[in-house]
Amino acid sequence: FIVNEDLNEGFVIDGGTSAKGVLDFAKEKGFTLKAMLLTHTHFDHASCTKDLQNAGVKVFVSEQESDGLSNKTINLSESVYRSATVAAAAVAAHECGHALQHAFGYTPLRLRSALVPAVNFASKWLTWILLAGILLINSFPQLLAIGVMLYALTTLFSFITLPVEINASVRAIAWLETAGITDYQTTPMAAAALRSAAYTYVVAALSSLGTLIYYALILVGRRN
């Protein structure tokens, strides 16, 4: 996120899989989300696009990347494509790792893809259901229970994402080494770059789990 504190406006770079998570963060921090910039259009970076657009957020993507929003292609930002750096090679190899997962039917990826419609639905209505559930907890606790179940679905999605991303990075490092793109000096640098990116998914999953437990405790506390 990049925020202009004077205007209380900001934009996000590569919103990821959950529009709700992006919008909730902006609301929590007290700024208006005006736009999203996509560096490339792989699923785990851009699947929130439609929901953010429906929420009035503008989406900016380069012309060569725009086709990737509607088909399964490997699209790299120009800065990655034209950069002869270890980090750029690692990013490109990581995206190829996802392509191999598609090609070989990697089970966690297939499971995550199957959950996308349900997660998109949950993300669209979750905030309102949880809010109404808390307000009506004494008269209609079932509504909060529905909200907790929907949130559990989004949390499951976050944890399924972890093996997908880690596996893509493992494939990437293996290919970089065997293809001679990196050597004993640069391979650890590529691995470090991908590991740093993976940490963001770990943090997101743990954050989602913590929020799920919070709402579940509210529901259980009411019943007790």
C-alpha atoms as a PDB file:
ATOM      1  CA  PHE A   1       0.000   0.000   0.000  1.00  0.00           C
ATOM      2  CA  ILE A   2       1.101   3.571  -0.730  1.00  0.00           C
ATOM      3  CA  VAL A   3      -0.868   6.225   1.137  1.00  0.00           C
ATOM      4  CA  ASN A   4      -1.002  10.007   0.813  1.00  0.00           C
ATOM      5  CA  GLU A   5      -1.607  11.005   4.425  1.00  0.00           C
ATOM      6  CA  ASP A   6      -2.489  14.591   3.486  1.00  0.00           C
ATOM      7  CA  LEU A   7      -5.345  13.486   1.232  1.00  0.00           C
ATOM      8  CA  ASN A   8      -6.135  10.301   3.181  1.00  0.00           C
ATOM      9  CA  GLU A   9      -6.071   8.399  -0.103  1.00  0.00           C
ATOM     10  CA  GLY A  10      -3.985   5.476  -1.267  1.00  0.00           C
ATOM     11  CA  PHE A  11      -3.491   2.664  -3.731  1.00  0.00           C
ATOM     12  CA  VAL A  12      -2.443  -0.943  -3.521  1.00  0.00           C
ATOM     13  CA  ILE A  13       0.089  -2.807  -5.638  1.00  0.00           C
ATOM     14  CA  ASP A  14      -1.044  -6.340  -6.579  1.00  0.00           C
ATOM     15  CA  GLY A  15      -4.106  -6.734  -4.380  1.00  0.00           C
ATOM     16  CA  GLY A  16      -3.915 -10.537  -4.329  1.00  0.00           C
ATOM     17  CA  THR A  17      -6.801 -12.948  -3.873  1.00  0.00           C
ATOM     18  CA  SER A  18      -9.043 -11.131  -1.391  1.00  0.00           C
ATOM     19  CA  ALA A  19     -10.671  -7.821  -2.249  1.00  0.00           C
ATOM     20  CA  LYS A  20     -12.224  -7.856   1.206  1.00  0.00           C
ATOM     21  CA  GLY A  21      -8.820  -8.045   2.859  1.00  0.00           C
ATOM     22  CA  VAL A  22      -7.595  -5.078   0.828  1.00  0.00           C
ATOM     23  CA  LEU A  23     -10.697  -2.980   1.523  1.00  0.00           C
ATOM     24  CA  ASP A  24     -10.750  -3.898   5.206  1.00  0.00           C
ATOM     25  CA  PHE A  25      -7.123  -2.831   5.595  1.00  0.00           C
ATOM     26  CA  ALA A  26      -7.842   0.540   3.979  1.00  0.00           C
ATOM     27  CA  LYS A  27     -10.879   1.011   6.233  1.00  0.00           C
ATOM     28  CA  GLU A  28      -8.905   0.021   9.339  1.00  0.00           C
ATOM     29  CA  LYS A  29      -6.152   2.507   8.513  1.00  0.00           C
ATOM     30  CA  GLY A  30      -8.673   5.233   7.703  1.00  0.00           C
ATOM     31  CA  PHE A  31      -7.870   5.999   4.073  1.00  0.00           C
ATOM     32  CA  THR A  32      -9.841   5.768   0.838  1.00  0.00           C
ATOM     33  CA  LEU A  33      -8.548   3.179  -1.611  1.00  0.00           C
ATOM     34  CA  LYS A  34      -8.543   4.885  -5.003  1.00  0.00           C
ATOM     35  CA  ALA A  35      -6.714   2.451  -7.269  1.00  0.00           C
ATOM     36  CA  MET A  36      -4.802  -0.803  -7.691  1.00  0.00           C
ATOM     37  CA  LEU A  37      -1.650  -1.141  -9.781  1.00  0.00           C
ATOM     38  CA  LEU A  38      -1.000  -4.602 -11.210  1.00  0.00           C
ATOM     39  CA  THR A  39       2.615  -5.473 -11.929  1.00  0.00           C
ATOM     40  CA  HIS A  40       1.417  -8.681 -13.588  1.00  0.00           C
ATOM     41  CA  THR A  41      -1.800 -10.622 -13.812  1.00  0.00           C
ATOM     42  CA  HIS A  42      -1.128 -14.000 -12.284  1.00  0.00           C
ATOM     43  CA  PHE A  43      -4.029 -15.375 -10.220  1.00  0.00           C
ATOM     44  CA  ASP A  44      -2.459 -14.781  -6.828  1.00  0.00           C
ATOM     45  CA  HIS A  45      -1.806 -11.130  -7.682  1.00  0.00           C
ATOM     46  CA  ALA A  46      -4.930 -10.137  -9.591  1.00  0.00           C
ATOM     47  CA  SER A  47      -7.927 -12.332  -8.764  1.00  0.00           C
ATOM     48  CA  CYS A  48      -9.395  -9.548  -6.602  1.00  0.00           C
ATOM     49  CA  THR A  49      -9.602  -7.250  -9.637  1.00  0.00           C
ATOM     50  CA  LYS A  50     -13.303  -7.609 -10.441  1.00  0.00           C
ATOM     51  CA  ASP A  51     -14.448  -7.179  -6.836  1.00  0.00           C
ATOM     52  CA  LEU A  52     -12.274  -4.092  -6.354  1.00  0.00           C
ATOM     53  CA  GLN A  53     -13.628  -2.589  -9.574  1.00  0.00           C
ATOM     54  CA  ASN A  54     -17.174  -3.278  -8.348  1.00  0.00           C
ATOM     55  CA  ALA A  55     -16.258  -1.379  -5.183  1.00  0.00           C
ATOM     56  CA  GLY A  56     -15.251   1.650  -7.263  1.00  0.00           C
ATOM     57  CA  VAL A  57     -11.483   1.088  -7.199  1.00  0.00           C
ATOM     58  CA  LYS A  58      -9.688   1.900 -10.452  1.00  0.00           C
ATOM     59  CA  VAL A  59      -7.306  -0.757 -11.792  1.00  0.00           C
ATOM     60  CA  PHE A  60      -4.200   0.102 -13.797  1.00  0.00           C
ATOM     61  CA  VAL A  61      -2.257  -2.513 -15.761  1.00  0.00           C
ATOM     62  CA  SER A  62       0.101  -2.289 -18.716  1.00  0.00           C
ATOM     63  CA  GLU A  63      -1.271  -3.092 -22.165  1.00  0.00           C
ATOM     64  CA  GLN A  64       0.866  -6.204 -22.518  1.00  0.00           C
ATOM     65  CA  GLU A  65      -0.398  -7.469 -19.156  1.00  0.00           C
ATOM     66  CA  SER A  66      -4.099  -6.821 -19.725  1.00  0.00           C
ATOM     67  CA  ASP A  67      -4.703 -10.054 -21.664  1.00  0.00           C
ATOM     68  CA  GLY A  68      -3.620 -12.014 -18.617  1.00  0.00           C
ATOM     69  CA  LEU A  69      -6.780 -10.958 -16.802  1.00  0.00           C
ATOM     70  CA  SER A  70      -8.862 -13.179 -19.058  1.00  0.00           C
ATOM     71  CA  ASN A  71      -6.613 -16.097 -20.022  1.00  0.00           C
ATOM     72  CA  LYS A  72      -3.990 -18.366 -18.516  1.00  0.00           C
ATOM     73  CA  THR A  73      -0.814 -16.780 -19.798  1.00  0.00           C
ATOM     74  CA  ILE A  74       2.465 -15.970 -18.098  1.00  0.00           C
ATOM     75  CA  ASN A  75       2.753 -12.204 -18.034  1.00  0.00           C
ATOM     76  CA  LEU A  76       5.711 -10.340 -16.599  1.00  0.00           C
ATOM     77  CA  SER A  77       5.990  -6.652 -15.923  1.00  0.00           C
ATOM     78  CA  GLU A  78       8.386  -4.841 -18.234  1.00  0.00           C
ATOM     79  CA  SER A  79      10.719  -4.132 -15.316  1.00  0.00           C
ATOM     80  CA  VAL A  80      10.999  -7.871 -14.612  1.00  0.00           C
ATOM     81  CA  TYR A  81      11.137  -8.925 -18.263  1.00  0.00           C
ATOM     82  CA  ARG A  82      13.928  -6.492 -19.150  1.00  0.00           C
ATOM     83  CA  SER A  83      15.906  -6.802 -15.931  1.00  0.00           C
ATOM     84  CA  ALA A  84      18.982  -9.027 -15.869  1.00  0.00           C
ATOM     85  CA  THR A  85      18.966  -9.508 -12.108  1.00  0.00           C
ATOM     86  CA  VAL A  86      18.710 -12.531  -9.847  1.00  0.00           C
ATOM     87  CA  ALA A  87      15.477 -11.220  -8.326  1.00  0.00           C
ATOM     88  CA  ALA A  88      13.858 -10.772 -11.748  1.00  0.00           C
ATOM     89  CA  ALA A  89      14.903 -14.270 -12.805  1.00  0.00           C
ATOM     90  CA  ALA A  90      13.441 -15.648  -9.571  1.00  0.00           C
ATOM     91  CA  VAL A  91      10.106 -13.892 -10.148  1.00  0.00           C
ATOM     92  CA  ALA A  92       9.891 -15.144 -13.735  1.00  0.00           C
ATOM     93  CA  ALA A  93      10.788 -18.693 -12.698  1.00  0.00           C
ATOM     94  CA  HIS A  94       8.204 -18.552  -9.912  1.00  0.00           C
ATOM     95  CA  GLU A  95       5.461 -17.685 -12.414  1.00  0.00           C
ATOM     96  CA  CYS A  96       6.632 -20.568 -14.616  1.00  0.00           C
ATOM     97  CA  GLY A  97       6.350 -22.748 -11.520  1.00  0.00           C
ATOM     98  CA  HIS A  98       2.644 -21.901 -11.365  1.00  0.00           C
ATOM     99  CA  ALA A  99       2.306 -22.776 -15.045  1.00  0.00           C
ATOM    100  CA  LEU A 100       3.811 -26.196 -14.336  1.00  0.00           C
ATOM    101  CA  GLN A 101       1.350 -26.655 -11.490  1.00  0.00           C
ATOM    102  CA  HIS A 102      -1.472 -26.037 -13.956  1.00  0.00           C
ATOM    103  CA  ALA A 103       0.063 -28.393 -16.495  1.00  0.00           C
ATOM    104  CA  PHE A 104       0.543 -31.266 -14.050  1.00  0.00           C
ATOM    105  CA  GLY A 105      -2.650 -30.746 -12.070  1.00  0.00           C
ATOM    106  CA  TYR A 106      -0.969 -29.891  -8.764  1.00  0.00           C
ATOM    107  CA  THR A 107      -3.581 -30.853  -6.166  1.00  0.00           C
ATOM    108  CA  PRO A 108      -3.430 -27.789  -3.854  1.00  0.00           C
ATOM    109  CA  LEU A 109      -3.728 -25.510  -6.886  1.00  0.00           C
ATOM    110  CA  ARG A 110      -6.725 -27.445  -8.173  1.00  0.00           C
ATOM    111  CA  LEU A 111      -8.320 -27.230  -4.736  1.00  0.00           C
ATOM    112  CA  ARG A 112      -7.640 -23.509  -4.483  1.00  0.00           C
ATOM    113  CA  SER A 113      -9.081 -22.893  -7.942  1.00  0.00           C
ATOM    114  CA  ALA A 114     -12.196 -24.867  -7.015  1.00  0.00           C
ATOM    115  CA  LEU A 115     -12.678 -22.647  -3.968  1.00  0.00           C
ATOM    116  CA  VAL A 116     -12.404 -19.364  -5.882  1.00  0.00           C
ATOM    117  CA  PRO A 117     -16.156 -18.920  -6.669  1.00  0.00           C
ATOM    118  CA  ALA A 118     -17.130 -19.642  -3.064  1.00  0.00           C
ATOM    119  CA  VAL A 119     -14.385 -17.369  -1.685  1.00  0.00           C
ATOM    120  CA  ASN A 120     -15.405 -14.553  -4.031  1.00  0.00           C
ATOM    121  CA  PHE A 121     -18.986 -14.887  -2.806  1.00  0.00           C
ATOM    122  CA  ALA A 122     -17.862 -14.959   0.812  1.00  0.00           C
ATOM    123  CA  SER A 123     -15.618 -11.923   0.357  1.00  0.00           C
ATOM    124  CA  LYS A 124     -18.463  -9.954  -1.189  1.00  0.00           C
ATOM    125  CA  TRP A 125     -20.919 -10.456   1.695  1.00  0.00           C
ATOM    126  CA  LEU A 126     -18.735 -11.342   4.667  1.00  0.00           C
ATOM    127  CA  THR A 127     -18.330  -7.858   6.143  1.00  0.00           C
ATOM    128  CA  TRP A 128     -22.068  -7.185   6.160  1.00  0.00           C
ATOM    129  CA  ILE A 129     -22.961 -10.615   7.551  1.00  0.00           C
ATOM    130  CA  LEU A 130     -20.447 -10.317  10.396  1.00  0.00           C
ATOM    131  CA  LEU A 131     -21.568  -6.778  11.220  1.00  0.00           C
ATOM    132  CA  ALA A 132     -25.243  -7.751  11.223  1.00  0.00           C
ATOM    133  CA  GLY A 133     -24.427 -10.928  13.140  1.00  0.00           C
ATOM    134  CA  ILE A 134     -22.743  -8.983  15.942  1.00  0.00           C
ATOM    135  CA  LEU A 135     -25.576  -6.435  16.110  1.00  0.00           C
ATOM    136  CA  LEU A 136     -28.198  -9.212  16.218  1.00  0.00           C
ATOM    137  CA  ILE A 137     -26.210 -11.706  18.258  1.00  0.00           C
ATOM    138  CA  ASN A 138     -28.762 -11.885  21.058  1.00  0.00           C
ATOM    139  CA  SER A 139     -31.833 -12.278  18.849  1.00  0.00           C
ATOM    140  CA  PHE A 140     -30.389 -14.065  15.801  1.00  0.00           C
ATOM    141  CA  PRO A 141     -27.026 -15.723  16.656  1.00  0.00           C
ATOM    142  CA  GLN A 142     -27.309 -17.995  13.621  1.00  0.00           C
ATOM    143  CA  LEU A 143     -26.351 -15.061  11.418  1.00  0.00           C
ATOM    144  CA  LEU A 144     -22.993 -14.675  13.154  1.00  0.00           C
ATOM    145  CA  ALA A 145     -22.495 -18.443  12.870  1.00  0.00           C
ATOM    146  CA  ILE A 146     -22.956 -18.134   9.111  1.00  0.00           C
ATOM    147  CA  GLY A 147     -20.412 -15.310   9.096  1.00  0.00           C
ATOM    148  CA  VAL A 148     -17.902 -17.427  11.030  1.00  0.00           C
ATOM    149  CA  MET A 149     -18.349 -20.299   8.552  1.00  0.00           C
ATOM    150  CA  LEU A 150     -17.802 -17.973   5.600  1.00  0.00           C
ATOM    151  CA  TYR A 151     -14.713 -16.524   7.257  1.00  0.00           C
ATOM    152  CA  ALA A 152     -13.452 -20.049   7.884  1.00  0.00           C
ATOM    153  CA  LEU A 153     -13.715 -20.613   4.133  1.00  0.00           C
ATOM    154  CA  THR A 154     -11.540 -17.592   3.365  1.00  0.00           C
ATOM    155  CA  THR A 155      -9.057 -18.699   6.039  1.00  0.00           C
ATOM    156  CA  LEU A 156      -8.882 -22.160   4.499  1.00  0.00           C
ATOM    157  CA  PHE A 157      -8.193 -20.517   1.149  1.00  0.00           C
ATOM    158  CA  SER A 158      -5.300 -18.551   2.669  1.00  0.00           C
ATOM    159  CA  PHE A 159      -3.709 -21.697   4.078  1.00  0.00           C
ATOM    160  CA  ILE A 160      -4.175 -23.657   0.835  1.00  0.00           C
ATOM    161  CA  THR A 161      -2.358 -20.814  -0.902  1.00  0.00           C
ATOM    162  CA  LEU A 162       0.781 -21.495   1.161  1.00  0.00           C
ATOM    163  CA  PRO A 163       1.775 -24.845  -0.404  1.00  0.00           C
ATOM    164  CA  VAL A 164       0.884 -23.462  -3.845  1.00  0.00           C
ATOM    165  CA  GLU A 165       3.287 -20.550  -3.476  1.00  0.00           C
ATOM    166  CA  ILE A 166       6.022 -22.554  -1.737  1.00  0.00           C
ATOM    167  CA  ASN A 167       5.883 -25.300  -4.365  1.00  0.00           C
ATOM    168  CA  ALA A 168       6.111 -22.753  -7.188  1.00  0.00           C
ATOM    169  CA  SER A 169       9.213 -21.295  -5.559  1.00  0.00           C
ATOM    170  CA  VAL A 170      10.771 -24.757  -5.076  1.00  0.00           C
ATOM    171  CA  ARG A 171      10.189 -25.485  -8.763  1.00  0.00           C
ATOM    172  CA  ALA A 172      11.648 -22.098  -9.638  1.00  0.00           C
ATOM    173  CA  ILE A 173      14.882 -22.610  -7.685  1.00  0.00           C
ATOM    174  CA  ALA A 174      15.331 -26.124  -9.085  1.00  0.00           C
ATOM    175  CA  TRP A 175      14.941 -24.867 -12.648  1.00  0.00           C
ATOM    176  CA  LEU A 176      17.231 -21.873 -12.142  1.00  0.00           C
ATOM    177  CA  GLU A 177      19.962 -24.201 -10.902  1.00  0.00           C
ATOM    178  CA  THR A 178      19.576 -26.942 -13.513  1.00  0.00           C
ATOM    179  CA  ALA A 179      19.323 -24.425 -16.354  1.00  0.00           C
ATOM    180  CA  GLY A 180      22.476 -22.686 -15.198  1.00  0.00           C
ATOM    181  CA  ILE A 181      20.711 -19.358 -14.693  1.00  0.00           C
ATOM    182  CA  THR A 182      22.025 -19.180 -11.132  1.00  0.00           C
ATOM    183  CA  ASP A 183      25.082 -20.700  -9.503  1.00  0.00           C
ATOM    184  CA  TYR A 184      26.269 -21.497  -5.996  1.00  0.00           C
ATOM    185  CA  GLN A 185      26.622 -17.761  -5.302  1.00  0.00           C
ATOM    186  CA  THR A 186      23.386 -16.456  -6.776  1.00  0.00           C
ATOM    187  CA  THR A 187      21.009 -19.337  -6.005  1.00  0.00           C
ATOM    188  CA  PRO A 188      20.787 -18.379  -2.303  1.00  0.00           C
ATOM    189  CA  MET A 189      19.976 -14.813  -3.404  1.00  0.00           C
ATOM    190  CA  ALA A 190      17.120 -16.041  -5.591  1.00  0.00           C
ATOM    191  CA  ALA A 191      15.849 -18.264  -2.782  1.00  0.00           C
ATOM    192  CA  ALA A 192      15.958 -15.335  -0.345  1.00  0.00           C
ATOM    193  CA  ALA A 193      13.925 -13.153  -2.709  1.00  0.00           C
ATOM    194  CA  LEU A 194      11.239 -15.820  -3.091  1.00  0.00           C
ATOM    195  CA  ARG A 195      11.280 -16.587   0.625  1.00  0.00           C
ATOM    196  CA  SER A 196      10.596 -12.934   1.433  1.00  0.00           C
ATOM    197  CA  ALA A 197       7.616 -12.981  -0.919  1.00  0.00           C
ATOM    198  CA  ALA A 198       6.342 -16.194   0.691  1.00  0.00           C
ATOM    199  CA  TYR A 199       6.381 -14.579   4.130  1.00  0.00           C
ATOM    200  CA  THR A 200       3.613 -12.215   3.021  1.00  0.00           C
ATOM    201  CA  TYR A 201       1.338 -15.213   2.418  1.00  0.00           C
ATOM    202  CA  VAL A 202       2.239 -16.698   5.802  1.00  0.00           C
ATOM    203  CA  VAL A 203       1.401 -13.423   7.546  1.00  0.00           C
ATOM    204  CA  ALA A 204      -1.889 -13.154   5.654  1.00  0.00           C
ATOM    205  CA  ALA A 205      -2.881 -16.719   6.592  1.00  0.00           C
ATOM    206  CA  LEU A 206      -2.032 -16.254  10.271  1.00  0.00           C
ATOM    207  CA  SER A 207      -3.834 -12.918  10.348  1.00  0.00           C
ATOM    208  CA  SER A 208      -6.918 -14.541   8.834  1.00  0.00           C
ATOM    209  CA  LEU A 209      -6.751 -17.348  11.398  1.00  0.00           C
ATOM    210  CA  GLY A 210      -6.497 -14.871  14.263  1.00  0.00           C
ATOM    211  CA  THR A 211      -9.531 -12.941  13.037  1.00  0.00           C
ATOM    212  CA  LEU A 212     -11.472 -16.186  12.609  1.00  0.00           C
ATOM    213  CA  ILE A 213     -10.713 -17.177  16.212  1.00  0.00           C
ATOM    214  CA  TYR A 214     -11.793 -13.718  17.377  1.00  0.00           C
ATOM    215  CA  TYR A 215     -15.243 -13.997  15.782  1.00  0.00           C
ATOM    216  CA  ALA A 216     -15.598 -17.627  16.867  1.00  0.00           C
ATOM    217  CA  LEU A 217     -14.915 -16.634  20.484  1.00  0.00           C
ATOM    218  CA  ILE A 218     -17.584 -13.938  20.266  1.00  0.00           C
ATOM    219  CA  LEU A 219     -20.044 -16.552  19.042  1.00  0.00           C
ATOM    220  CA  VAL A 220     -19.046 -19.148  21.666  1.00  0.00           C
ATOM    221  CA  GLY A 221     -19.048 -16.517  24.425  1.00  0.00           C
ATOM    222  CA  ARG A 222     -22.594 -15.576  23.583  1.00  0.00           C
ATOM    223  CA  ARG A 223     -23.715 -19.206  23.763  1.00  0.00           C
ATOM    224  CA  ASN A 224     -22.035 -19.641  27.128  1.00  0.00           C
END
